[in-house]
C-alpha cells in the first residue's frame, strides 16, 4: 500500500468484510487524518511516507488484536517479536515531537 487512497479503501473493505464495525472505521479514519495533519507540520521530507507506514502498521495490529486479543498480566516481560510494539510506539510518536 503506497497511498492514502489505498489505505482508506482498505479500511472500507474491512467494514464490508465485517471485520471492522463502521463506527470504529470512522474513528480510525479520523485518527489517520488528525495524525497526518500533525505529522506533516514537522517539515521532515520523509514524514508522509513514515506516517503512512506507521498508520498501516497500527491498522494491521488493530485487526490482529480484534481476532486474537492479547491480555497483559500484572507483570510481563517485554515482547519484541514477532512485532516490536515498543519500537513502533517510539516511531509513531517521534514524528510529533519537535526536538529543537
PDB file of N, CA and C in Angstrom:
ATOM      1  N   UNK A   1       0.851  -1.162   0.000  1.00  0.00           N
ATOM      2  CA  UNK A   1       0.000   0.000   0.000  1.00  0.00           C
ATOM      3  C   UNK A   1       0.901   1.231   0.000  1.00  0.00           C
ATOM      4  N   UNK A   2       0.684   2.090  -0.957  1.00  0.00           N
ATOM      5  CA  UNK A   2       1.567   3.233  -1.090  1.00  0.00           C
ATOM      6  C   UNK A   2       0.877   4.576  -1.043  1.00  0.00           C
ATOM      7  N   UNK A   3      -0.425   4.587  -0.886  1.00  0.00           N
ATOM      8  CA  UNK A   3      -1.097   5.880  -0.924  1.00  0.00           C
ATOM      9  C   UNK A   3      -2.221   5.946   0.104  1.00  0.00           C
ATOM     10  N   UNK A   4      -2.581   7.175   0.372  1.00  0.00           N
ATOM     11  CA  UNK A   4      -3.687   7.436   1.287  1.00  0.00           C
ATOM     12  C   UNK A   4      -4.981   6.813   0.776  1.00  0.00           C
ATOM     13  N   UNK A   5      -5.211   6.923  -0.519  1.00  0.00           N
ATOM     14  CA  UNK A   5      -6.435   6.377  -1.108  1.00  0.00           C
ATOM     15  C   UNK A   5      -6.510   4.862  -0.899  1.00  0.00           C
ATOM     16  N   UNK A   6      -5.395   4.179  -1.102  1.00  0.00           N
ATOM     17  CA  UNK A   6      -5.382   2.725  -0.888  1.00  0.00           C
ATOM     18  C   UNK A   6      -5.646   2.392   0.572  1.00  0.00           C
ATOM     19  N   UNK A   7      -5.075   3.181   1.463  1.00  0.00           N
ATOM     20  CA  UNK A   7      -5.262   2.935   2.888  1.00  0.00           C
ATOM     21  C   UNK A   7      -6.721   3.119   3.301  1.00  0.00           C
ATOM     22  N   UNK A   8      -7.334   4.219   2.886  1.00  0.00           N
ATOM     23  CA  UNK A   8      -8.734   4.493   3.228  1.00  0.00           C
ATOM     24  C   UNK A   8      -9.640   3.424   2.608  1.00  0.00           C
ATOM     25  N   UNK A   9      -9.328   3.005   1.397  1.00  0.00           N
ATOM     26  CA  UNK A   9     -10.098   1.945   0.747  1.00  0.00           C
ATOM     27  C   UNK A   9      -9.988   0.642   1.537  1.00  0.00           C
ATOM     28  N   UNK A  10      -8.807   0.362   2.068  1.00  0.00           N
ATOM     29  CA  UNK A  10      -8.633  -0.857   2.861  1.00  0.00           C
ATOM     30  C   UNK A  10      -9.496  -0.819   4.120  1.00  0.00           C
ATOM     31  N   UNK A  11      -9.584   0.343   4.750  1.00  0.00           N
ATOM     32  CA  UNK A  11     -10.442   0.477   5.928  1.00  0.00           C
ATOM     33  C   UNK A  11     -11.890   0.156   5.547  1.00  0.00           C
ATOM     34  N   UNK A  12     -12.344   0.709   4.439  1.00  0.00           N
ATOM     35  CA  UNK A  12     -13.722   0.480   3.989  1.00  0.00           C
ATOM     36  C   UNK A  12     -13.956  -0.997   3.643  1.00  0.00           C
ATOM     37  N   UNK A  13     -12.969  -1.651   3.051  1.00  0.00           N
ATOM     38  CA  UNK A  13     -13.097  -3.074   2.710  1.00  0.00           C
ATOM     39  C   UNK A  13     -13.235  -3.931   3.961  1.00  0.00           C
ATOM     40  N   UNK A  14     -12.526  -3.564   5.013  1.00  0.00           N
ATOM     41  CA  UNK A  14     -12.634  -4.338   6.260  1.00  0.00           C
ATOM     42  C   UNK A  14     -14.022  -4.180   6.875  1.00  0.00           C
ATOM     43  N   UNK A  15     -14.651  -3.031   6.678  1.00  0.00           N
ATOM     44  CA  UNK A  15     -16.037  -2.844   7.129  1.00  0.00           C
ATOM     45  C   UNK A  15     -16.947  -3.759   6.311  1.00  0.00           C
ATOM     46  N   UNK A  16     -16.767  -3.765   4.996  1.00  0.00           N
ATOM     47  CA  UNK A  16     -17.583  -4.616   4.116  1.00  0.00           C
ATOM     48  C   UNK A  16     -17.423  -6.091   4.454  1.00  0.00           C
ATOM     49  N   UNK A  17     -16.235  -6.494   4.835  1.00  0.00           N
ATOM     50  CA  UNK A  17     -15.975  -7.898   5.195  1.00  0.00           C
ATOM     51  C   UNK A  17     -16.531  -8.250   6.573  1.00  0.00           C
ATOM     52  N   UNK A  18     -16.957  -7.234   7.314  1.00  0.00           N
ATOM     53  CA  UNK A  18     -17.493  -7.479   8.644  1.00  0.00           C
ATOM     54  C   UNK A  18     -16.429  -7.588   9.717  1.00  0.00           C
ATOM     55  N   UNK A  19     -15.178  -7.266   9.401  1.00  0.00           N
ATOM     56  CA  UNK A  19     -14.086  -7.364  10.367  1.00  0.00           C
ATOM     57  C   UNK A  19     -13.959  -6.100  11.211  1.00  0.00           C
ATOM     58  N   UNK A  20     -14.606  -5.020  10.769  1.00  0.00           N
ATOM     59  CA  UNK A  20     -14.474  -3.740  11.440  1.00  0.00           C
ATOM     60  C   UNK A  20     -15.839  -3.061  11.499  1.00  0.00           C
ATOM     61  N   UNK A  21     -16.321  -2.719  12.700  1.00  0.00           N
ATOM     62  CA  UNK A  21     -17.593  -2.004  12.791  1.00  0.00           C
ATOM     63  C   UNK A  21     -17.460  -0.610  12.149  1.00  0.00           C
ATOM     64  N   UNK A  22     -18.517  -0.117  11.524  1.00  0.00           N
ATOM     65  CA  UNK A  22     -18.456   1.191  10.856  1.00  0.00           C
ATOM     66  C   UNK A  22     -18.003   2.329  11.765  1.00  0.00           C
ATOM     67  N   UNK A  23     -18.431   2.341  13.040  1.00  0.00           N
ATOM     68  CA  UNK A  23     -18.017   3.431  13.930  1.00  0.00           C
ATOM     69  C   UNK A  23     -16.524   3.371  14.233  1.00  0.00           C
ATOM     70  N   UNK A  24     -15.977   2.167  14.345  1.00  0.00           N
ATOM     71  CA  UNK A  24     -14.538   2.010  14.573  1.00  0.00           C
ATOM     72  C   UNK A  24     -13.774   2.476  13.335  1.00  0.00           C
ATOM     73  N   UNK A  25     -14.283   2.132  12.159  1.00  0.00           N
ATOM     74  CA  UNK A  25     -13.648   2.567  10.907  1.00  0.00           C
ATOM     75  C   UNK A  25     -13.644   4.089  10.816  1.00  0.00           C
ATOM     76  N   UNK A  26     -14.757   4.721  11.168  1.00  0.00           N
ATOM     77  CA  UNK A  26     -14.827   6.188  11.145  1.00  0.00           C
ATOM     78  C   UNK A  26     -13.806   6.798  12.111  1.00  0.00           C
ATOM     79  N   UNK A  27     -13.724   6.224  13.304  1.00  0.00           N
ATOM     80  CA  UNK A  27     -12.759   6.718  14.296  1.00  0.00           C
ATOM     81  C   UNK A  27     -11.327   6.535  13.806  1.00  0.00           C
ATOM     82  N   UNK A  28     -11.061   5.410  13.175  1.00  0.00           N
ATOM     83  CA  UNK A  28      -9.712   5.159  12.672  1.00  0.00           C
ATOM     84  C   UNK A  28      -9.372   6.130  11.544  1.00  0.00           C
ATOM     85  N   UNK A  29     -10.337   6.386  10.676  1.00  0.00           N
ATOM     86  CA  UNK A  29     -10.109   7.353   9.592  1.00  0.00           C
ATOM     87  C   UNK A  29      -9.848   8.747  10.168  1.00  0.00           C
ATOM     88  N   UNK A  30     -10.609   9.146  11.178  1.00  0.00           N
ATOM     89  CA  UNK A  30     -10.382  10.438  11.830  1.00  0.00           C
ATOM     90  C   UNK A  30      -8.999  10.497  12.477  1.00  0.00           C
ATOM     91  N   UNK A  31      -8.610   9.410  13.138  1.00  0.00           N
ATOM     92  CA  UNK A  31      -7.271   9.338  13.725  1.00  0.00           C
ATOM     93  C   UNK A  31      -6.219   9.512  12.637  1.00  0.00           C
ATOM     94  N   UNK A  32      -6.405   8.837  11.514  1.00  0.00           N
ATOM     95  CA  UNK A  32      -5.455   8.935  10.401  1.00  0.00           C
ATOM     96  C   UNK A  32      -5.286  10.388   9.959  1.00  0.00           C
ATOM     97  N   UNK A  33      -6.388  11.073   9.700  1.00  0.00           N
ATOM     98  CA  UNK A  33      -6.300  12.444   9.194  1.00  0.00           C
ATOM     99  C   UNK A  33      -5.720  13.403  10.243  1.00  0.00           C
ATOM    100  N   UNK A  34      -6.077  13.228  11.505  1.00  0.00           N
ATOM    101  CA  UNK A  34      -5.513  14.069  12.565  1.00  0.00           C
ATOM    102  C   UNK A  34      -4.011  13.836  12.717  1.00  0.00           C
ATOM    103  N   UNK A  35      -3.599  12.575  12.706  1.00  0.00           N
ATOM    104  CA  UNK A  35      -2.177  12.230  12.807  1.00  0.00           C
ATOM    105  C   UNK A  35      -1.421  12.792  11.600  1.00  0.00           C
ATOM    106  N   UNK A  36      -1.985  12.592  10.422  1.00  0.00           N
ATOM    107  CA  UNK A  36      -1.360  13.096   9.194  1.00  0.00           C
ATOM    108  C   UNK A  36      -1.165  14.606   9.266  1.00  0.00           C
ATOM    109  N   UNK A  37      -2.218  15.330   9.631  1.00  0.00           N
ATOM    110  CA  UNK A  37      -2.133  16.791   9.705  1.00  0.00           C
ATOM    111  C   UNK A  37      -1.071  17.247  10.701  1.00  0.00           C
ATOM    112  N   UNK A  38      -0.976  16.579  11.832  1.00  0.00           N
ATOM    113  CA  UNK A  38       0.032  16.940  12.836  1.00  0.00           C
ATOM    114  C   UNK A  38       1.433  16.615  12.344  1.00  0.00           C
ATOM    115  N   UNK A  39       1.596  15.436  11.781  1.00  0.00           N
ATOM    116  CA  UNK A  39       2.918  14.986  11.331  1.00  0.00           C
ATOM    117  C   UNK A  39       3.458  15.855  10.201  1.00  0.00           C
ATOM    118  N   UNK A  40       2.615  16.219   9.267  1.00  0.00           N
ATOM    119  CA  UNK A  40       3.093  16.976   8.108  1.00  0.00           C
ATOM    120  C   UNK A  40       3.543  18.388   8.459  1.00  0.00           C
ATOM    121  N   UNK A  41       3.295  18.826   9.673  1.00  0.00           N
ATOM    122  CA  UNK A  41       3.753  20.139  10.113  1.00  0.00           C
ATOM    123  C   UNK A  41       5.204  20.127  10.585  1.00  0.00           C
ATOM    124  N   UNK A  42       5.811  18.933  10.697  1.00  0.00           N
ATOM    125  CA  UNK A  42       7.164  18.876  11.260  1.00  0.00           C
ATOM    126  C   UNK A  42       8.269  19.200  10.256  1.00  0.00           C
ATOM    127  N   UNK A  43       7.948  19.270   8.975  1.00  0.00           N
ATOM    128  CA  UNK A  43       8.927  19.667   7.977  1.00  0.00           C
ATOM    129  C   UNK A  43       9.870  18.577   7.509  1.00  0.00           C
ATOM    130  N   UNK A  44       9.759  17.391   8.035  1.00  0.00           N
ATOM    131  CA  UNK A  44      10.608  16.274   7.599  1.00  0.00           C
ATOM    132  C   UNK A  44      10.176  15.847   6.199  1.00  0.00           C
ATOM    133  N   UNK A  45      11.097  15.795   5.230  1.00  0.00           N
ATOM    134  CA  UNK A  45      10.721  15.415   3.865  1.00  0.00           C
ATOM    135  C   UNK A  45      10.214  13.977   3.764  1.00  0.00           C
ATOM    136  N   UNK A  46      10.525  13.151   4.741  1.00  0.00           N
ATOM    137  CA  UNK A  46      10.081  11.751   4.743  1.00  0.00           C
ATOM    138  C   UNK A  46       8.829  11.541   5.587  1.00  0.00           C
ATOM    139  N   UNK A  47       8.279  12.613   6.124  1.00  0.00           N
ATOM    140  CA  UNK A  47       7.180  12.499   7.082  1.00  0.00           C
ATOM    141  C   UNK A  47       5.975  11.760   6.516  1.00  0.00           C
ATOM    142  N   UNK A  48       5.573  12.069   5.300  1.00  0.00           N
ATOM    143  CA  UNK A  48       4.375  11.432   4.740  1.00  0.00           C
ATOM    144  C   UNK A  48       4.568   9.924   4.626  1.00  0.00           C
ATOM    145  N   UNK A  49       5.693   9.507   4.085  1.00  0.00           N
ATOM    146  CA  UNK A  49       5.971   8.075   3.905  1.00  0.00           C
ATOM    147  C   UNK A  49       5.990   7.358   5.251  1.00  0.00           C
ATOM    148  N   UNK A  50       6.656   7.954   6.236  1.00  0.00           N
ATOM    149  CA  UNK A  50       6.748   7.337   7.562  1.00  0.00           C
ATOM    150  C   UNK A  50       5.379   7.304   8.226  1.00  0.00           C
ATOM    151  N   UNK A  51       4.636   8.399   8.103  1.00  0.00           N
ATOM    152  CA  UNK A  51       3.298   8.485   8.690  1.00  0.00           C
ATOM    153  C   UNK A  51       2.391   7.403   8.125  1.00  0.00           C
ATOM    154  N   UNK A  52       2.405   7.236   6.808  1.00  0.00           N
ATOM    155  CA  UNK A  52       1.555   6.232   6.179  1.00  0.00           C
ATOM    156  C   UNK A  52       1.954   4.829   6.630  1.00  0.00           C
ATOM    157  N   UNK A  53       3.238   4.569   6.699  1.00  0.00           N
ATOM    158  CA  UNK A  53       3.720   3.265   7.180  1.00  0.00           C
ATOM    159  C   UNK A  53       3.296   3.024   8.623  1.00  0.00           C
ATOM    160  N   UNK A  54       3.427   4.037   9.479  1.00  0.00           N
ATOM    161  CA  UNK A  54       3.008   3.907  10.878  1.00  0.00           C
ATOM    162  C   UNK A  54       1.521   3.589  10.981  1.00  0.00           C
ATOM    163  N   UNK A  55       0.712   4.284  10.206  1.00  0.00           N
ATOM    164  CA  UNK A  55      -0.736   4.067  10.279  1.00  0.00           C
ATOM    165  C   UNK A  55      -1.123   2.690   9.732  1.00  0.00           C
ATOM    166  N   UNK A  56      -0.434   2.227   8.703  1.00  0.00           N
ATOM    167  CA  UNK A  56      -0.716   0.882   8.185  1.00  0.00           C
ATOM    168  C   UNK A  56      -0.356  -0.166   9.228  1.00  0.00           C
ATOM    169  N   UNK A  57       0.804   0.014   9.900  1.00  0.00           N
ATOM    170  CA  UNK A  57       1.189  -0.923  10.958  1.00  0.00           C
ATOM    171  C   UNK A  57       0.158  -0.919  12.086  1.00  0.00           C
ATOM    172  N   UNK A  58      -0.276   0.268  12.492  1.00  0.00           N
ATOM    173  CA  UNK A  58      -1.269   0.368  13.557  1.00  0.00           C
ATOM    174  C   UNK A  58      -2.569  -0.321  13.162  1.00  0.00           C
ATOM    175  N   UNK A  59      -3.009  -0.108  11.935  1.00  0.00           N
ATOM    176  CA  UNK A  59      -4.242  -0.724  11.460  1.00  0.00           C
ATOM    177  C   UNK A  59      -4.111  -2.248  11.440  1.00  0.00           C
ATOM    178  N   UNK A  60      -2.993  -2.749  10.945  1.00  0.00           N
ATOM    179  CA  UNK A  60      -2.765  -4.200  10.930  1.00  0.00           C
ATOM    180  C   UNK A  60      -2.785  -4.775  12.334  1.00  0.00           C
ATOM    181  N   UNK A  61      -2.139  -4.094  13.267  1.00  0.00           N
ATOM    182  CA  UNK A  61      -2.110  -4.558  14.660  1.00  0.00           C
ATOM    183  C   UNK A  61      -3.513  -4.557  15.254  1.00  0.00           C
ATOM    184  N   UNK A  62      -4.295  -3.537  14.963  1.00  0.00           N
ATOM    185  CA  UNK A  62      -5.670  -3.471  15.476  1.00  0.00           C
ATOM    186  C   UNK A  62      -6.503  -4.627  14.942  1.00  0.00           C
ATOM    187  N   UNK A  63      -6.350  -4.937  13.661  1.00  0.00           N
ATOM    188  CA  UNK A  63      -7.103  -6.054  13.086  1.00  0.00           C
ATOM    189  C   UNK A  63      -6.678  -7.378  13.708  1.00  0.00           C
ATOM    190  N   UNK A  64      -5.384  -7.560  13.912  1.00  0.00           N
ATOM    191  CA  UNK A  64      -4.903  -8.792  14.546  1.00  0.00           C
ATOM    192  C   UNK A  64      -5.415  -8.911  15.977  1.00  0.00           C
ATOM    193  N   UNK A  65      -5.409  -7.799  16.691  1.00  0.00           N
ATOM    194  CA  UNK A  65      -5.868  -7.820  18.073  1.00  0.00           C
ATOM    195  C   UNK A  65      -7.363  -8.105  18.160  1.00  0.00           C
ATOM    196  N   UNK A  66      -8.122  -7.674  17.172  1.00  0.00           N
ATOM    197  CA  UNK A  66      -9.560  -7.963  17.155  1.00  0.00           C
ATOM    198  C   UNK A  66      -9.798  -9.462  17.020  1.00  0.00           C
ATOM    199  N   UNK A  67      -8.964 -10.130  16.223  1.00  0.00           N
ATOM    200  CA  UNK A  67      -9.097 -11.574  16.027  1.00  0.00           C
ATOM    201  C   UNK A  67      -8.522 -12.378  17.183  1.00  0.00           C
ATOM    202  N   UNK A  68      -7.455 -11.882  17.770  1.00  0.00           N
ATOM    203  CA  UNK A  68      -6.757 -12.624  18.808  1.00  0.00           C
ATOM    204  C   UNK A  68      -6.256 -11.641  19.873  1.00  0.00           C
ATOM    205  N   UNK A  69      -7.152 -11.175  20.758  1.00  0.00           N
ATOM    206  CA  UNK A  69      -6.754 -10.160  21.742  1.00  0.00           C
ATOM    207  C   UNK A  69      -5.665 -10.659  22.684  1.00  0.00           C
ATOM    208  N   UNK A  70      -4.768  -9.768  22.998  1.00  0.00           N
ATOM    209  CA  UNK A  70      -3.687 -10.076  23.933  1.00  0.00           C
ATOM    210  C   UNK A  70      -4.055  -9.510  25.291  1.00  0.00           C
ATOM    211  N   UNK A  71      -3.963 -10.331  26.325  1.00  0.00           N
ATOM    212  CA  UNK A  71      -4.255  -9.890  27.679  1.00  0.00           C
ATOM    213  C   UNK A  71      -2.950  -9.768  28.447  1.00  0.00           C
ATOM    214  N   UNK A  72      -2.685  -8.558  28.935  1.00  0.00           N
ATOM    215  CA  UNK A  72      -1.472  -8.344  29.719  1.00  0.00           C
ATOM    216  C   UNK A  72      -1.700  -8.798  31.144  1.00  0.00           C
ATOM    217  N   UNK A  73      -0.742  -9.506  31.666  1.00  0.00           N
ATOM    218  CA  UNK A  73      -0.745  -9.900  33.061  1.00  0.00           C
ATOM    219  C   UNK A  73      -0.220  -8.717  33.878  1.00  0.00           C
ATOM    220  N   UNK A  74      -0.404  -8.729  35.222  1.00  0.00           N
ATOM    221  CA  UNK A  74       0.105  -7.618  36.044  1.00  0.00           C
ATOM    222  C   UNK A  74       1.619  -7.422  35.871  1.00  0.00           C
ATOM    223  N   UNK A  75       2.330  -8.500  35.614  1.00  0.00           N
ATOM    224  CA  UNK A  75       3.768  -8.423  35.376  1.00  0.00           C
ATOM    225  C   UNK A  75       4.037  -9.179  34.082  1.00  0.00           C
ATOM    226  N   UNK A  76       4.826  -8.595  33.219  1.00  0.00           N
ATOM    227  CA  UNK A  76       5.167  -9.288  31.981  1.00  0.00           C
ATOM    228  C   UNK A  76       6.528  -8.836  31.489  1.00  0.00           C
ATOM    229  N   UNK A  77       7.128  -9.678  30.692  1.00  0.00           N
ATOM    230  CA  UNK A  77       8.396  -9.337  30.057  1.00  0.00           C
ATOM    231  C   UNK A  77       8.095  -8.643  28.735  1.00  0.00           C
ATOM    232  N   UNK A  78       8.969  -7.755  28.345  1.00  0.00           N
ATOM    233  CA  UNK A  78       8.804  -7.066  27.068  1.00  0.00           C
ATOM    234  C   UNK A  78       8.802  -8.082  25.930  1.00  0.00           C
ATOM    235  N   UNK A  79       7.833  -7.962  25.063  1.00  0.00           N
ATOM    236  CA  UNK A  79       7.743  -8.835  23.893  1.00  0.00           C
ATOM    237  C   UNK A  79       8.193  -8.023  22.688  1.00  0.00           C
ATOM    238  N   UNK A  80       9.264  -8.434  22.068  1.00  0.00           N
ATOM    239  CA  UNK A  80       9.808  -7.691  20.933  1.00  0.00           C
ATOM    240  C   UNK A  80       9.661  -8.450  19.623  1.00  0.00           C
ATOM    241  N   UNK A  81       9.088  -9.628  19.672  1.00  0.00           N
ATOM    242  CA  UNK A  81       8.888 -10.436  18.466  1.00  0.00           C
ATOM    243  C   UNK A  81       7.531 -11.109  18.551  1.00  0.00           C
ATOM    244  N   UNK A  82       6.834 -11.337  17.510  1.00  0.00           N
ATOM    245  CA  UNK A  82       7.187 -11.072  16.118  1.00  0.00           C
ATOM    246  C   UNK A  82       7.001  -9.609  15.732  1.00  0.00           C
ATOM    247  N   UNK A  83       6.413  -8.793  16.628  1.00  0.00           N
ATOM    248  CA  UNK A  83       6.245  -7.366  16.346  1.00  0.00           C
ATOM    249  C   UNK A  83       6.724  -6.589  17.555  1.00  0.00           C
ATOM    250  N   UNK A  84       7.553  -5.594  17.345  1.00  0.00           N
ATOM    251  CA  UNK A  84       8.128  -4.819  18.432  1.00  0.00           C
ATOM    252  C   UNK A  84       7.262  -3.578  18.687  1.00  0.00           C
ATOM    253  N   UNK A  85       6.343  -3.698  19.629  1.00  0.00           N
ATOM    254  CA  UNK A  85       5.424  -2.602  19.941  1.00  0.00           C
ATOM    255  C   UNK A  85       6.158  -1.400  20.538  1.00  0.00           C
ATOM    256  N   UNK A  86       7.211  -1.643  21.287  1.00  0.00           N
ATOM    257  CA  UNK A  86       7.961  -0.542  21.882  1.00  0.00           C
ATOM    258  C   UNK A  86       8.572   0.340  20.790  1.00  0.00           C
ATOM    259  N   UNK A  87       9.262  -0.272  19.850  1.00  0.00           N
ATOM    260  CA  UNK A  87       9.871   0.487  18.755  1.00  0.00           C
ATOM    261  C   UNK A  87       8.797   1.156  17.910  1.00  0.00           C
ATOM    262  N   UNK A  88       7.694   0.458  17.671  1.00  0.00           N
ATOM    263  CA  UNK A  88       6.596   1.053  16.914  1.00  0.00           C
ATOM    264  C   UNK A  88       6.104   2.331  17.599  1.00  0.00           C
ATOM    265  N   UNK A  89       5.895   2.259  18.912  1.00  0.00           N
ATOM    266  CA  UNK A  89       5.375   3.437  19.617  1.00  0.00           C
ATOM    267  C   UNK A  89       6.371   4.595  19.564  1.00  0.00           C
ATOM    268  N   UNK A  90       7.665   4.303  19.639  1.00  0.00           N
ATOM    269  CA  UNK A  90       8.674   5.354  19.528  1.00  0.00           C
ATOM    270  C   UNK A  90       8.628   6.007  18.147  1.00  0.00           C
ATOM    271  N   UNK A  91       8.515   5.191  17.104  1.00  0.00           N
ATOM    272  CA  UNK A  91       8.455   5.713  15.733  1.00  0.00           C
ATOM    273  C   UNK A  91       7.171   6.503  15.491  1.00  0.00           C
ATOM    274  N   UNK A  92       6.088   6.066  16.093  1.00  0.00           N
ATOM    275  CA  UNK A  92       4.791   6.723  15.912  1.00  0.00           C
ATOM    276  C   UNK A  92       4.816   8.124  16.528  1.00  0.00           C
ATOM    277  N   UNK A  93       5.350   8.231  17.720  1.00  0.00           N
ATOM    278  CA  UNK A  93       5.362   9.495  18.444  1.00  0.00           C
ATOM    279  C   UNK A  93       6.471  10.422  17.957  1.00  0.00           C
ATOM    280  N   UNK A  94       7.595   9.857  17.519  1.00  0.00           N
ATOM    281  CA  UNK A  94       8.753  10.665  17.110  1.00  0.00           C
ATOM    282  C   UNK A  94       8.388  11.761  16.111  1.00  0.00           C
ATOM    283  N   UNK A  95       7.493  11.475  15.180  1.00  0.00           N
ATOM    284  CA  UNK A  95       7.115  12.455  14.173  1.00  0.00           C
ATOM    285  C   UNK A  95       6.348  13.641  14.750  1.00  0.00           C
ATOM    286  N   UNK A  96       5.831  13.491  15.948  1.00  0.00           N
ATOM    287  CA  UNK A  96       5.036  14.542  16.569  1.00  0.00           C
ATOM    288  C   UNK A  96       5.840  15.433  17.514  1.00  0.00           C
ATOM    289  N   UNK A  97       7.120  15.106  17.708  1.00  0.00           N
ATOM    290  CA  UNK A  97       7.945  15.834  18.668  1.00  0.00           C
ATOM    291  C   UNK A  97       8.899  16.772  17.940  1.00  0.00           C
ATOM    292  N   UNK A  98       8.940  18.008  18.392  1.00  0.00           N
ATOM    293  CA  UNK A  98       9.905  18.978  17.874  1.00  0.00           C
ATOM    294  C   UNK A  98      11.146  18.882  18.750  1.00  0.00           C
ATOM    295  N   UNK A  99      12.182  18.236  18.264  1.00  0.00           N
ATOM    296  CA  UNK A  99      13.385  18.000  19.056  1.00  0.00           C
ATOM    297  C   UNK A  99      14.281  19.235  19.144  1.00  0.00           C
ATOM    298  N   UNK A 100      13.960  20.282  18.408  1.00  0.00           N
ATOM    299  CA  UNK A 100      14.761  21.502  18.524  1.00  0.00           C
ATOM    300  C   UNK A 100      14.442  22.129  19.842  1.00  0.00           C
TER     301      UNK A 100
END
